[in-house]
Structure formats: structure tokens, C-alpha cells
C-alpha atoms as a PDB file:
ATOM      1  CA  MET A   1      11.764 -17.929  10.988  1.00  0.00           C
ATOM      2  CA  SER A   2      14.942 -17.387   8.990  1.00  0.00           C
ATOM      3  CA  ASN A   3      16.060 -14.028   7.610  1.00  0.00           C
ATOM      4  CA  ALA A   4      15.274 -14.978   4.001  1.00  0.00           C
ATOM      5  CA  PRO A   5      11.465 -15.169   4.411  1.00  0.00           C
ATOM      6  CA  LYS A   6      11.419 -12.030   6.571  1.00  0.00           C
ATOM      7  CA  GLY A   7      13.522 -10.184   4.007  1.00  0.00           C
ATOM      8  CA  ARG A   8      11.191 -11.308   1.240  1.00  0.00           C
ATOM      9  CA  LEU A   9       8.184 -10.109   3.214  1.00  0.00           C
ATOM     10  CA  VAL A  10       9.783  -6.683   3.664  1.00  0.00           C
ATOM     11  CA  GLN A  11      10.394  -6.516  -0.088  1.00  0.00           C
ATOM     12  CA  ILE A  12       6.792  -7.475  -0.872  1.00  0.00           C
ATOM     13  CA  GLU A  13       5.471  -4.883   1.588  1.00  0.00           C
ATOM     14  CA  ALA A  14       7.677  -2.218  -0.040  1.00  0.00           C
ATOM     15  CA  ARG A  15       6.444  -3.188  -3.520  1.00  0.00           C
ATOM     16  CA  ILE A  16       2.814  -3.015  -2.367  1.00  0.00           C
ATOM     17  CA  ALA A  17       3.400   0.438  -0.866  1.00  0.00           C
ATOM     18  CA  ALA A  18       5.068   1.600  -4.091  1.00  0.00           C
ATOM     19  CA  ALA A  19       2.200   0.251  -6.207  1.00  0.00           C
ATOM     20  CA  LEU A  20      -0.328   2.072  -4.055  1.00  0.00           C
ATOM     21  CA  GLU A  21       1.666   5.306  -4.226  1.00  0.00           C
ATOM     22  CA  ASP A  22       1.938   4.956  -8.010  1.00  0.00           C
ATOM     23  CA  GLY A  23      -1.804   4.358  -8.199  1.00  0.00           C
ATOM     24  CA  ARG A  24      -2.518   7.393  -6.055  1.00  0.00           C
ATOM     25  CA  GLN A  25      -0.352   9.614  -8.198  1.00  0.00           C
ATOM     26  CA  ALA A  26      -1.760   8.164 -11.437  1.00  0.00           C
ATOM     27  CA  ILE A  27      -5.254   9.339 -10.574  1.00  0.00           C
ATOM     28  CA  GLY A  28      -4.104  12.630  -9.081  1.00  0.00           C
ATOM     29  CA  MET A  29      -5.407  11.936  -5.602  1.00  0.00           C
ATOM     30  CA  GLY A  30      -3.814  13.757  -2.681  1.00  0.00           C
ATOM     31  CA  GLN A  31      -2.783  11.986   0.483  1.00  0.00           C
ATOM     32  CA  GLN A  32      -5.374  13.908   2.507  1.00  0.00           C
ATOM     33  CA  GLN A  33      -8.166  12.850   0.158  1.00  0.00           C
ATOM     34  CA  LEU A  34      -7.044   9.228   0.385  1.00  0.00           C
ATOM     35  CA  ALA A  35      -6.825   9.507   4.172  1.00  0.00           C
ATOM     36  CA  ASP A  36     -10.382  10.839   4.322  1.00  0.00           C
ATOM     37  CA  LEU A  37     -11.638   7.980   2.144  1.00  0.00           C
ATOM     38  CA  ILE A  38     -10.046   5.240   4.247  1.00  0.00           C
ATOM     39  CA  GLY A  39     -10.564   6.846   7.657  1.00  0.00           C
ATOM     40  CA  VAL A  40      -7.011   7.534   8.803  1.00  0.00           C
ATOM     41  CA  SER A  41      -4.838  10.638   9.143  1.00  0.00           C
ATOM     42  CA  GLN A  42      -2.764  12.035   6.280  1.00  0.00           C
ATOM     43  CA  SER A  43       0.396  11.285   8.261  1.00  0.00           C
ATOM     44  CA  GLN A  44      -0.624   7.623   8.527  1.00  0.00           C
ATOM     45  CA  VAL A  45      -1.188   7.485   4.752  1.00  0.00           C
ATOM     46  CA  SER A  46       2.237   9.030   4.220  1.00  0.00           C
ATOM     47  CA  ARG A  47       3.865   6.420   6.467  1.00  0.00           C
ATOM     48  CA  MET A  48       1.971   3.573   4.762  1.00  0.00           C
ATOM     49  CA  LEU A  49       2.830   4.695   1.237  1.00  0.00           C
ATOM     50  CA  SER A  50       6.488   5.274   2.073  1.00  0.00           C
ATOM     51  CA  GLY A  51       6.740   1.767   3.497  1.00  0.00           C
ATOM     52  CA  GLU A  52       7.579   3.142   6.939  1.00  0.00           C
ATOM     53  CA  ARG A  53       4.531   1.400   8.380  1.00  0.00           C
ATOM     54  CA  PRO A  54       3.084  -1.865   7.072  1.00  0.00           C
ATOM     55  CA  LEU A  55      -0.544  -1.905   6.019  1.00  0.00           C
ATOM     56  CA  THR A  56      -3.095  -4.095   7.701  1.00  0.00           C
ATOM     57  CA  ILE A  57      -5.261  -6.211   5.400  1.00  0.00           C
ATOM     58  CA  PRO A  58      -8.337  -4.006   5.970  1.00  0.00           C
ATOM     59  CA  GLU A  59      -6.247  -0.897   5.209  1.00  0.00           C
ATOM     60  CA  LEU A  60      -4.892  -2.489   2.049  1.00  0.00           C
ATOM     61  CA  LEU A  61      -8.397  -3.389   0.881  1.00  0.00           C
ATOM     62  CA  LYS A  62      -9.785   0.088   1.647  1.00  0.00           C
ATOM     63  CA  MET A  63      -6.852   1.768  -0.058  1.00  0.00           C
ATOM     64  CA  CYS A  64      -7.129  -0.406  -3.163  1.00  0.00           C
ATOM     65  CA  ASP A  65     -10.854   0.312  -3.328  1.00  0.00           C
ATOM     66  CA  ALA A  66     -10.281   4.066  -2.989  1.00  0.00           C
ATOM     67  CA  LEU A  67      -7.594   3.964  -5.704  1.00  0.00           C
ATOM     68  CA  HIS A  68      -9.636   1.707  -8.018  1.00  0.00           C
ATOM     69  CA  LEU A  69      -7.003  -1.026  -7.822  1.00  0.00           C
ATOM     70  CA  ASP A  70      -7.549  -4.762  -7.533  1.00  0.00           C
ATOM     71  CA  ALA A  71      -5.962  -5.888  -4.257  1.00  0.00           C
ATOM     72  CA  ALA A  72      -5.261  -9.403  -5.540  1.00  0.00           C
ATOM     73  CA  THR A  73      -3.422  -7.998  -8.546  1.00  0.00           C
ATOM     74  CA  VAL A  74      -1.391  -5.588  -6.410  1.00  0.00           C
ATOM     75  CA  ILE A  75      -0.329  -8.430  -4.111  1.00  0.00           C
ATOM     76  CA  ALA A  76       0.389 -10.881  -6.963  1.00  0.00           C
ATOM     77  CA  GLN A  77       2.523  -8.343  -8.809  1.00  0.00           C
ATOM     78  CA  ALA A  78       4.413  -7.506  -5.617  1.00  0.00           C
ATOM     79  CA  GLU A  79       5.139 -11.197  -5.033  1.00  0.00           C
ATOM     80  CA  ASP A  80       6.224 -11.816  -8.626  1.00  0.00           C
ATOM     81  CA  ALA A  81       8.534  -8.803  -8.951  1.00  0.00           C
END
């Protein structure tokens, strides 16, 4: 795999994390509340939303559900940005 696809993937992951963080803030949900809803620790949520740790697909789906976001839209917008 060349550096270009890997770099693009990192950018998409960062955009997804930013969209989720924006969504969390938009509805006024705290990180601890989100963590409780998706079954992880608050520190894991912090790392996911900062882009420090990539999300798994199940985590992404749970997080989108908890934040009332459409996962397909979040991914499509991250790819198109």
C-alpha cells in the first residue's frame, strides 16, 4: 500500500472523529454520557473523538446511534471533504 491511500484514510478517520465530536457537542452530551451509552470508558471516548484512536465499525455505529447521526452520511461527508 502506498502512502497516498494511507494518508487519505487517516484524513477520513480524522473527519469522522470531528463530525462525531461536533454532533456530541451539538446535542450537549457529555463524554461520560456517550461512553455509558456505547459501553466504553470516558477516556476511550475522548481518544476516539480526538482521533487518537480509530473507531471500529461497531463503535462507529453505536456512537452514531447515540448521537442521532446517520453513519452512512457521516462516512460519505468525511470521504467527500
